[in-house]
Amino acid sequence: MNQPTYLTPEGETRLKAELEELTGPRRQELAQRLRAAIQMGDLSENADYHKAKEDQGFLEGRIQEIDAILRTAVIIEKKHSDVVTVGSHVTIQEGDFPPETYYVVGAKEADPSNGKISNESPIGSALINHKVGAVVEAETPGGKIKFKILKIE
């Protein structure tokens, strides 16, 4: 069975806006490019036509992908919990390093460089269902790390 796709309300809004852009202006622009290329004649050697067809394939693929994500998405409601869940802001500390705060999100929105970690990532999955004060171990590509949960918001 497929795992649900978790999205924050902001992530859902972003995807809906992208879908609107792709199905509206971007699709129309591609249709115009295809018409112009077809009017040039011989399609077998028409690079513009082949590029436009390739772009159309990518566009339609992305539209289908977003559509599928939005159809199966579970929107994360902001709720306070005493355990880490998808949608929690978690402050953790590894050893003597400075504390770090992460926002646990679904895989489609993960952006570690901006503090958003996936619930499916090694650290994200290790945090799920743990409470403040828990010492959690995660198996990362760089090896095992232990950290303490300082705060859950």
N, C-alpha and C. Protein backbone atom coordinates (compact mmCIF):
# COMPACT_ATOMS: atom_id res chain seq x y z
N MET A 1 0.85 -1.20 0.00
CA MET A 1 0.00 0.00 0.00
C MET A 1 0.88 1.25 0.00
N ASN A 2 0.45 2.24 -0.73
CA ASN A 2 1.22 3.49 -0.79
C ASN A 2 1.05 4.29 0.48
N GLN A 3 2.16 4.91 0.90
CA GLN A 3 2.08 5.81 2.04
C GLN A 3 1.40 7.09 1.57
N PRO A 4 0.66 7.74 2.46
CA PRO A 4 0.05 9.01 2.05
C PRO A 4 1.13 10.06 1.79
N THR A 5 0.81 11.04 0.98
CA THR A 5 1.71 12.15 0.74
C THR A 5 1.31 13.25 1.71
N TYR A 6 2.21 13.60 2.62
CA TYR A 6 1.91 14.65 3.59
C TYR A 6 2.31 15.99 3.00
N LEU A 7 1.41 16.97 3.12
CA LEU A 7 1.69 18.33 2.65
C LEU A 7 1.28 19.32 3.72
N THR A 8 2.06 20.38 3.86
CA THR A 8 1.65 21.48 4.71
C THR A 8 0.62 22.28 3.90
N PRO A 9 -0.20 23.11 4.55
CA PRO A 9 -1.13 23.94 3.79
C PRO A 9 -0.39 24.82 2.77
N GLU A 10 0.82 25.30 3.14
CA GLU A 10 1.61 26.13 2.21
C GLU A 10 2.05 25.30 1.00
N GLY A 11 2.44 24.05 1.24
CA GLY A 11 2.86 23.17 0.15
C GLY A 11 1.71 22.88 -0.80
N GLU A 12 0.52 22.67 -0.23
CA GLU A 12 -0.66 22.43 -1.07
C GLU A 12 -0.95 23.66 -1.94
N THR A 13 -0.87 24.84 -1.34
CA THR A 13 -1.12 26.08 -2.09
C THR A 13 -0.11 26.24 -3.21
N ARG A 14 1.17 25.95 -2.92
CA ARG A 14 2.22 26.06 -3.94
C ARG A 14 1.97 25.12 -5.11
N LEU A 15 1.60 23.87 -4.80
CA LEU A 15 1.34 22.89 -5.85
C LEU A 15 0.12 23.27 -6.69
N LYS A 16 -0.93 23.77 -6.03
CA LYS A 16 -2.13 24.19 -6.77
C LYS A 16 -1.80 25.35 -7.71
N ALA A 17 -0.96 26.29 -7.24
CA ALA A 17 -0.56 27.42 -8.08
C ALA A 17 0.28 26.94 -9.26
N GLU A 18 1.18 25.99 -9.02
CA GLU A 18 2.00 25.45 -10.11
C GLU A 18 1.12 24.74 -11.12
N LEU A 19 0.16 23.96 -10.64
CA LEU A 19 -0.76 23.24 -11.53
C LEU A 19 -1.55 24.22 -12.40
N GLU A 20 -2.03 25.29 -11.79
CA GLU A 20 -2.78 26.32 -12.53
C GLU A 20 -1.90 26.95 -13.62
N GLU A 21 -0.65 27.25 -13.28
CA GLU A 21 0.29 27.83 -14.25
C GLU A 21 0.55 26.86 -15.40
N LEU A 22 0.76 25.58 -15.07
CA LEU A 22 1.07 24.59 -16.09
C LEU A 22 -0.12 24.30 -17.01
N THR A 23 -1.32 24.20 -16.43
CA THR A 23 -2.48 23.86 -17.24
C THR A 23 -3.03 25.07 -18.00
N GLY A 24 -2.62 26.25 -17.60
CA GLY A 24 -3.08 27.47 -18.29
C GLY A 24 -2.03 28.02 -19.22
N PRO A 25 -1.31 29.06 -18.76
CA PRO A 25 -0.35 29.76 -19.62
C PRO A 25 0.73 28.86 -20.24
N ARG A 26 1.28 27.93 -19.49
CA ARG A 26 2.37 27.09 -20.03
C ARG A 26 1.87 26.17 -21.14
N ARG A 27 0.67 25.60 -20.94
CA ARG A 27 0.10 24.71 -21.96
C ARG A 27 -0.20 25.49 -23.24
N GLN A 28 -0.74 26.69 -23.07
CA GLN A 28 -1.07 27.54 -24.24
C GLN A 28 0.20 27.93 -24.99
N GLU A 29 1.23 28.30 -24.26
CA GLU A 29 2.50 28.68 -24.88
C GLU A 29 3.08 27.51 -25.69
N LEU A 30 3.01 26.31 -25.13
CA LEU A 30 3.51 25.14 -25.85
C LEU A 30 2.68 24.84 -27.09
N ALA A 31 1.37 25.01 -26.99
CA ALA A 31 0.50 24.77 -28.16
C ALA A 31 0.85 25.74 -29.28
N GLN A 32 1.15 26.99 -28.92
CA GLN A 32 1.55 27.99 -29.93
C GLN A 32 2.88 27.61 -30.57
N ARG A 33 3.83 27.14 -29.75
CA ARG A 33 5.13 26.71 -30.28
C ARG A 33 4.96 25.54 -31.25
N LEU A 34 4.10 24.60 -30.88
CA LEU A 34 3.86 23.44 -31.75
C LEU A 34 3.22 23.88 -33.07
N ARG A 35 2.21 24.76 -33.00
CA ARG A 35 1.56 25.25 -34.23
C ARG A 35 2.57 25.93 -35.14
N ALA A 36 3.41 26.78 -34.56
CA ALA A 36 4.41 27.51 -35.35
C ALA A 36 5.39 26.53 -35.99
N ALA A 37 5.81 25.51 -35.25
CA ALA A 37 6.76 24.53 -35.77
C ALA A 37 6.13 23.70 -36.89
N ILE A 38 4.86 23.33 -36.72
CA ILE A 38 4.16 22.54 -37.73
C ILE A 38 4.02 23.33 -39.03
N GLN A 39 3.79 24.63 -38.91
CA GLN A 39 3.63 25.48 -40.09
C GLN A 39 4.92 25.62 -40.89
N MET A 40 6.06 25.29 -40.26
CA MET A 40 7.34 25.37 -40.97
C MET A 40 7.50 24.24 -41.99
N GLY A 41 6.64 23.22 -41.92
CA GLY A 41 6.72 22.16 -42.91
C GLY A 41 7.33 20.88 -42.37
N ASP A 42 8.21 20.28 -43.14
CA ASP A 42 8.82 18.97 -42.88
C ASP A 42 9.16 18.74 -41.41
N LEU A 43 8.35 17.90 -40.73
CA LEU A 43 8.51 17.68 -39.29
C LEU A 43 9.67 16.73 -38.97
N SER A 44 10.09 15.90 -39.93
CA SER A 44 11.12 14.92 -39.64
C SER A 44 12.46 15.57 -39.30
N GLU A 45 12.70 16.74 -39.83
CA GLU A 45 13.97 17.42 -39.56
C GLU A 45 13.78 18.76 -38.86
N ASN A 46 12.63 18.91 -38.20
CA ASN A 46 12.30 20.19 -37.58
C ASN A 46 12.64 20.13 -36.08
N ALA A 47 13.78 20.72 -35.73
CA ALA A 47 14.26 20.68 -34.34
C ALA A 47 13.29 21.39 -33.39
N ASP A 48 12.70 22.50 -33.85
CA ASP A 48 11.74 23.23 -32.99
C ASP A 48 10.56 22.34 -32.63
N TYR A 49 10.07 21.60 -33.63
CA TYR A 49 8.93 20.71 -33.41
C TYR A 49 9.29 19.61 -32.41
N HIS A 50 10.45 18.98 -32.59
CA HIS A 50 10.87 17.89 -31.69
C HIS A 50 11.09 18.40 -30.27
N LYS A 51 11.67 19.57 -30.14
CA LYS A 51 11.90 20.16 -28.80
C LYS A 51 10.55 20.48 -28.14
N ALA A 52 9.63 21.05 -28.91
CA ALA A 52 8.32 21.39 -28.36
C ALA A 52 7.57 20.12 -27.93
N LYS A 53 7.67 19.04 -28.72
CA LYS A 53 7.01 17.78 -28.36
C LYS A 53 7.63 17.21 -27.07
N GLU A 54 8.95 17.31 -26.97
CA GLU A 54 9.64 16.82 -25.76
C GLU A 54 9.19 17.64 -24.54
N ASP A 55 9.16 18.97 -24.71
CA ASP A 55 8.72 19.85 -23.61
C ASP A 55 7.28 19.53 -23.22
N GLN A 56 6.44 19.23 -24.23
CA GLN A 56 5.05 18.91 -23.97
C GLN A 56 4.96 17.63 -23.11
N GLY A 57 5.80 16.66 -23.41
CA GLY A 57 5.82 15.43 -22.63
C GLY A 57 6.18 15.68 -21.17
N PHE A 58 7.19 16.52 -20.95
CA PHE A 58 7.59 16.87 -19.58
C PHE A 58 6.47 17.64 -18.87
N LEU A 59 5.86 18.59 -19.57
CA LEU A 59 4.78 19.39 -18.99
C LEU A 59 3.63 18.50 -18.56
N GLU A 60 3.18 17.64 -19.47
CA GLU A 60 2.04 16.76 -19.16
C GLU A 60 2.40 15.78 -18.04
N GLY A 61 3.64 15.32 -18.01
CA GLY A 61 4.09 14.44 -16.93
C GLY A 61 4.04 15.13 -15.58
N ARG A 62 4.49 16.38 -15.53
CA ARG A 62 4.47 17.14 -14.27
C ARG A 62 3.02 17.42 -13.84
N ILE A 63 2.16 17.72 -14.80
CA ILE A 63 0.74 17.96 -14.48
C ILE A 63 0.15 16.70 -13.85
N GLN A 64 0.43 15.53 -14.44
CA GLN A 64 -0.08 14.27 -13.89
C GLN A 64 0.48 14.01 -12.50
N GLU A 65 1.78 14.31 -12.31
CA GLU A 65 2.41 14.09 -11.00
C GLU A 65 1.75 14.96 -9.93
N ILE A 66 1.57 16.26 -10.22
CA ILE A 66 0.96 17.16 -9.24
C ILE A 66 -0.47 16.73 -8.96
N ASP A 67 -1.20 16.37 -10.01
CA ASP A 67 -2.57 15.90 -9.87
C ASP A 67 -2.64 14.72 -8.90
N ALA A 68 -1.75 13.75 -9.09
CA ALA A 68 -1.73 12.56 -8.24
C ALA A 68 -1.38 12.92 -6.80
N ILE A 69 -0.42 13.82 -6.63
CA ILE A 69 -0.02 14.25 -5.28
C ILE A 69 -1.21 14.89 -4.57
N LEU A 70 -1.88 15.82 -5.26
CA LEU A 70 -2.99 16.53 -4.64
C LEU A 70 -4.18 15.60 -4.34
N ARG A 71 -4.39 14.60 -5.20
CA ARG A 71 -5.49 13.66 -4.99
C ARG A 71 -5.28 12.81 -3.74
N THR A 72 -4.03 12.45 -3.45
CA THR A 72 -3.75 11.55 -2.33
C THR A 72 -3.17 12.26 -1.11
N ALA A 73 -3.08 13.58 -1.19
CA ALA A 73 -2.42 14.33 -0.12
C ALA A 73 -3.20 14.32 1.19
N VAL A 74 -2.45 14.24 2.27
CA VAL A 74 -2.99 14.43 3.60
C VAL A 74 -2.44 15.77 4.07
N ILE A 75 -3.33 16.73 4.27
CA ILE A 75 -2.89 18.07 4.66
C ILE A 75 -2.62 18.08 6.16
N ILE A 76 -1.44 18.55 6.51
CA ILE A 76 -1.01 18.58 7.91
C ILE A 76 -1.67 19.78 8.60
N GLU A 77 -2.46 19.47 9.56
CA GLU A 77 -3.09 20.54 10.35
C GLU A 77 -2.13 20.92 11.48
N LYS A 78 -2.03 22.19 11.73
CA LYS A 78 -1.17 22.64 12.82
C LYS A 78 -1.90 22.34 14.14
N LYS A 79 -1.35 21.40 14.87
CA LYS A 79 -1.92 21.05 16.16
C LYS A 79 -0.77 20.81 17.13
N HIS A 80 -0.99 21.12 18.37
CA HIS A 80 0.08 20.89 19.34
C HIS A 80 -0.03 19.46 19.84
N SER A 81 1.10 18.82 19.88
CA SER A 81 1.16 17.44 20.35
C SER A 81 2.39 17.32 21.24
N ASP A 82 2.33 16.41 22.21
CA ASP A 82 3.52 16.24 23.06
C ASP A 82 4.48 15.23 22.46
N VAL A 83 4.14 14.67 21.28
CA VAL A 83 5.07 13.81 20.55
C VAL A 83 5.29 14.41 19.17
N VAL A 84 6.41 14.07 18.56
CA VAL A 84 6.74 14.58 17.23
C VAL A 84 5.84 13.90 16.20
N THR A 85 5.21 14.71 15.36
CA THR A 85 4.40 14.22 14.25
C THR A 85 4.79 15.01 13.01
N VAL A 86 4.26 14.59 11.86
CA VAL A 86 4.45 15.40 10.66
C VAL A 86 3.76 16.73 10.94
N GLY A 87 4.47 17.82 10.71
CA GLY A 87 3.94 19.15 11.01
C GLY A 87 4.53 19.77 12.27
N SER A 88 5.32 18.99 13.02
CA SER A 88 5.95 19.51 14.24
C SER A 88 7.21 20.30 13.92
N HIS A 89 7.43 21.35 14.69
CA HIS A 89 8.73 22.05 14.70
C HIS A 89 9.46 21.46 15.90
N VAL A 90 10.61 20.86 15.64
CA VAL A 90 11.34 20.13 16.69
C VAL A 90 12.73 20.73 16.86
N THR A 91 13.08 21.04 18.09
CA THR A 91 14.44 21.51 18.39
C THR A 91 15.19 20.34 19.00
N ILE A 92 16.33 20.01 18.36
CA ILE A 92 17.14 18.87 18.82
C ILE A 92 18.57 19.34 19.06
N GLN A 93 19.30 18.56 19.82
CA GLN A 93 20.71 18.86 20.06
C GLN A 93 21.50 17.57 20.03
N GLU A 94 22.56 17.60 19.23
CA GLU A 94 23.46 16.45 19.14
C GLU A 94 24.71 16.79 19.95
N GLY A 95 24.95 16.04 21.01
CA GLY A 95 26.14 16.24 21.84
C GLY A 95 26.30 17.67 22.30
N ASP A 96 27.50 18.25 22.05
CA ASP A 96 27.79 19.63 22.46
C ASP A 96 27.52 20.63 21.34
N PHE A 97 26.98 20.17 20.21
CA PHE A 97 26.69 21.07 19.09
C PHE A 97 25.54 22.01 19.46
N PRO A 98 25.45 23.15 18.79
CA PRO A 98 24.32 24.05 19.06
C PRO A 98 22.99 23.38 18.69
N PRO A 99 21.91 23.71 19.41
CA PRO A 99 20.60 23.14 19.08
C PRO A 99 20.18 23.55 17.66
N GLU A 100 19.43 22.68 17.01
CA GLU A 100 18.91 22.97 15.67
C GLU A 100 17.41 22.70 15.68
N THR A 101 16.66 23.54 14.95
CA THR A 101 15.22 23.36 14.86
C THR A 101 14.86 22.92 13.45
N TYR A 102 14.03 21.90 13.37
CA TYR A 102 13.57 21.38 12.08
C TYR A 102 12.05 21.36 12.05
N TYR A 103 11.52 21.48 10.84
CA TYR A 103 10.09 21.36 10.59
C TYR A 103 9.93 20.01 9.91
N VAL A 104 9.20 19.09 10.53
CA VAL A 104 9.01 17.76 9.97
C VAL A 104 7.85 17.83 8.97
N VAL A 105 8.17 17.56 7.70
CA VAL A 105 7.18 17.66 6.62
C VAL A 105 7.16 16.36 5.82
N GLY A 106 6.25 16.27 4.88
CA GLY A 106 6.21 15.11 3.98
C GLY A 106 7.36 15.17 3.00
N ALA A 107 7.66 14.05 2.37
CA ALA A 107 8.82 13.94 1.47
C ALA A 107 8.77 14.93 0.31
N LYS A 108 7.59 15.26 -0.20
CA LYS A 108 7.47 16.15 -1.37
C LYS A 108 7.87 17.58 -1.04
N GLU A 109 7.90 17.93 0.25
CA GLU A 109 8.24 19.30 0.64
C GLU A 109 9.59 19.41 1.33
N ALA A 110 10.27 18.30 1.52
CA ALA A 110 11.54 18.31 2.24
C ALA A 110 12.52 19.28 1.59
N ASP A 111 13.18 20.06 2.42
CA ASP A 111 14.17 21.03 1.97
C ASP A 111 15.13 21.25 3.13
N PRO A 112 16.04 20.27 3.35
CA PRO A 112 16.91 20.31 4.54
C PRO A 112 17.70 21.60 4.70
N SER A 113 18.12 22.21 3.60
CA SER A 113 18.91 23.44 3.72
C SER A 113 18.07 24.58 4.29
N ASN A 114 16.74 24.44 4.25
CA ASN A 114 15.85 25.44 4.85
C ASN A 114 15.14 24.90 6.09
N GLY A 115 15.71 23.85 6.70
CA GLY A 115 15.18 23.35 7.96
C GLY A 115 13.95 22.47 7.85
N LYS A 116 13.58 22.05 6.64
CA LYS A 116 12.42 21.18 6.46
C LYS A 116 12.93 19.76 6.18
N ILE A 117 12.67 18.85 7.14
CA ILE A 117 13.12 17.47 6.93
C ILE A 117 11.92 16.55 6.75
N SER A 118 12.11 15.55 5.92
CA SER A 118 11.04 14.61 5.62
C SER A 118 10.82 13.65 6.78
N ASN A 119 9.56 13.28 6.96
CA ASN A 119 9.23 12.25 7.95
C ASN A 119 9.81 10.91 7.55
N GLU A 120 10.27 10.78 6.29
CA GLU A 120 10.86 9.53 5.82
C GLU A 120 12.39 9.54 5.88
N SER A 121 12.99 10.70 6.18
CA SER A 121 14.45 10.80 6.27
C SER A 121 14.92 10.09 7.54
N PRO A 122 16.23 9.77 7.60
CA PRO A 122 16.71 9.08 8.81
C PRO A 122 16.40 9.84 10.11
N ILE A 123 16.66 11.13 10.14
CA ILE A 123 16.41 11.90 11.36
C ILE A 123 14.91 12.08 11.57
N GLY A 124 14.19 12.44 10.50
CA GLY A 124 12.74 12.64 10.60
C GLY A 124 12.02 11.41 11.11
N SER A 125 12.35 10.25 10.54
CA SER A 125 11.65 9.02 10.96
C SER A 125 12.05 8.64 12.39
N ALA A 126 13.29 8.95 12.79
CA ALA A 126 13.71 8.65 14.16
C ALA A 126 12.97 9.52 15.18
N LEU A 127 12.62 10.75 14.78
CA LEU A 127 11.95 11.67 15.69
C LEU A 127 10.48 11.34 15.92
N ILE A 128 9.82 10.80 14.90
CA ILE A 128 8.37 10.57 14.96
C ILE A 128 7.99 9.77 16.21
N ASN A 129 6.94 10.28 16.89
CA ASN A 129 6.34 9.67 18.09
C ASN A 129 7.20 9.73 19.34
N HIS A 130 8.27 10.54 19.34
CA HIS A 130 9.07 10.71 20.55
C HIS A 130 8.72 12.03 21.24
N LYS A 131 8.98 12.07 22.55
CA LYS A 131 8.64 13.23 23.37
C LYS A 131 9.87 14.07 23.70
N VAL A 132 9.61 15.27 24.23
CA VAL A 132 10.68 16.13 24.73
C VAL A 132 11.47 15.37 25.78
N GLY A 133 12.79 15.47 25.71
CA GLY A 133 13.66 14.80 26.67
C GLY A 133 14.18 13.46 26.16
N ALA A 134 13.52 12.92 25.13
CA ALA A 134 13.95 11.63 24.59
C ALA A 134 15.29 11.77 23.89
N VAL A 135 16.13 10.77 24.05
CA VAL A 135 17.38 10.70 23.30
C VAL A 135 17.13 9.70 22.18
N VAL A 136 17.29 10.18 20.96
CA VAL A 136 16.94 9.39 19.78
C VAL A 136 18.19 9.12 18.97
N GLU A 137 18.23 7.94 18.36
CA GLU A 137 19.37 7.56 17.52
C GLU A 137 18.88 7.43 16.08
N ALA A 138 19.67 7.98 15.16
CA ALA A 138 19.33 7.87 13.74
C ALA A 138 20.53 7.34 12.97
N GLU A 139 20.25 6.47 12.02
CA GLU A 139 21.28 5.93 11.14
C GLU A 139 21.32 6.81 9.90
N THR A 140 22.35 7.64 9.79
CA THR A 140 22.48 8.57 8.66
C THR A 140 23.58 8.07 7.72
N PRO A 141 23.64 8.62 6.52
CA PRO A 141 24.72 8.21 5.60
C PRO A 141 26.11 8.40 6.23
N GLY A 142 26.23 9.36 7.14
CA GLY A 142 27.51 9.61 7.79
C GLY A 142 27.75 8.76 9.03
N GLY A 143 26.81 7.87 9.35
CA GLY A 143 26.94 7.02 10.53
C GLY A 143 25.82 7.28 11.53
N LYS A 144 25.88 6.59 12.66
CA LYS A 144 24.85 6.76 13.69
C LYS A 144 25.06 8.07 14.43
N ILE A 145 23.96 8.77 14.69
CA ILE A 145 24.04 9.96 15.52
C ILE A 145 22.96 9.87 16.60
N LYS A 146 23.27 10.43 17.76
CA LYS A 146 22.32 10.49 18.87
C LYS A 146 22.04 11.95 19.15
N PHE A 147 20.78 12.26 19.40
CA PHE A 147 20.44 13.63 19.74
C PHE A 147 19.27 13.62 20.71
N LYS A 148 19.15 14.73 21.42
CA LYS A 148 18.09 14.87 22.41
C LYS A 148 17.03 15.84 21.89
N ILE A 149 15.77 15.51 22.12
CA ILE A 149 14.67 16.40 21.73
C ILE A 149 14.50 17.43 22.86
N LEU A 150 14.72 18.71 22.51
CA LEU A 150 14.63 19.77 23.50
C LEU A 150 13.25 20.43 23.54
N LYS A 151 12.62 20.53 22.36
CA LYS A 151 11.34 21.26 22.30
C LYS A 151 10.54 20.77 21.11
N ILE A 152 9.21 20.67 21.28
CA ILE A 152 8.30 20.33 20.19
C ILE A 152 7.24 21.44 20.11
N GLU A 153 7.09 22.01 18.93
CA GLU A 153 6.06 23.05 18.77
C GLU A 153 5.13 22.67 17.64
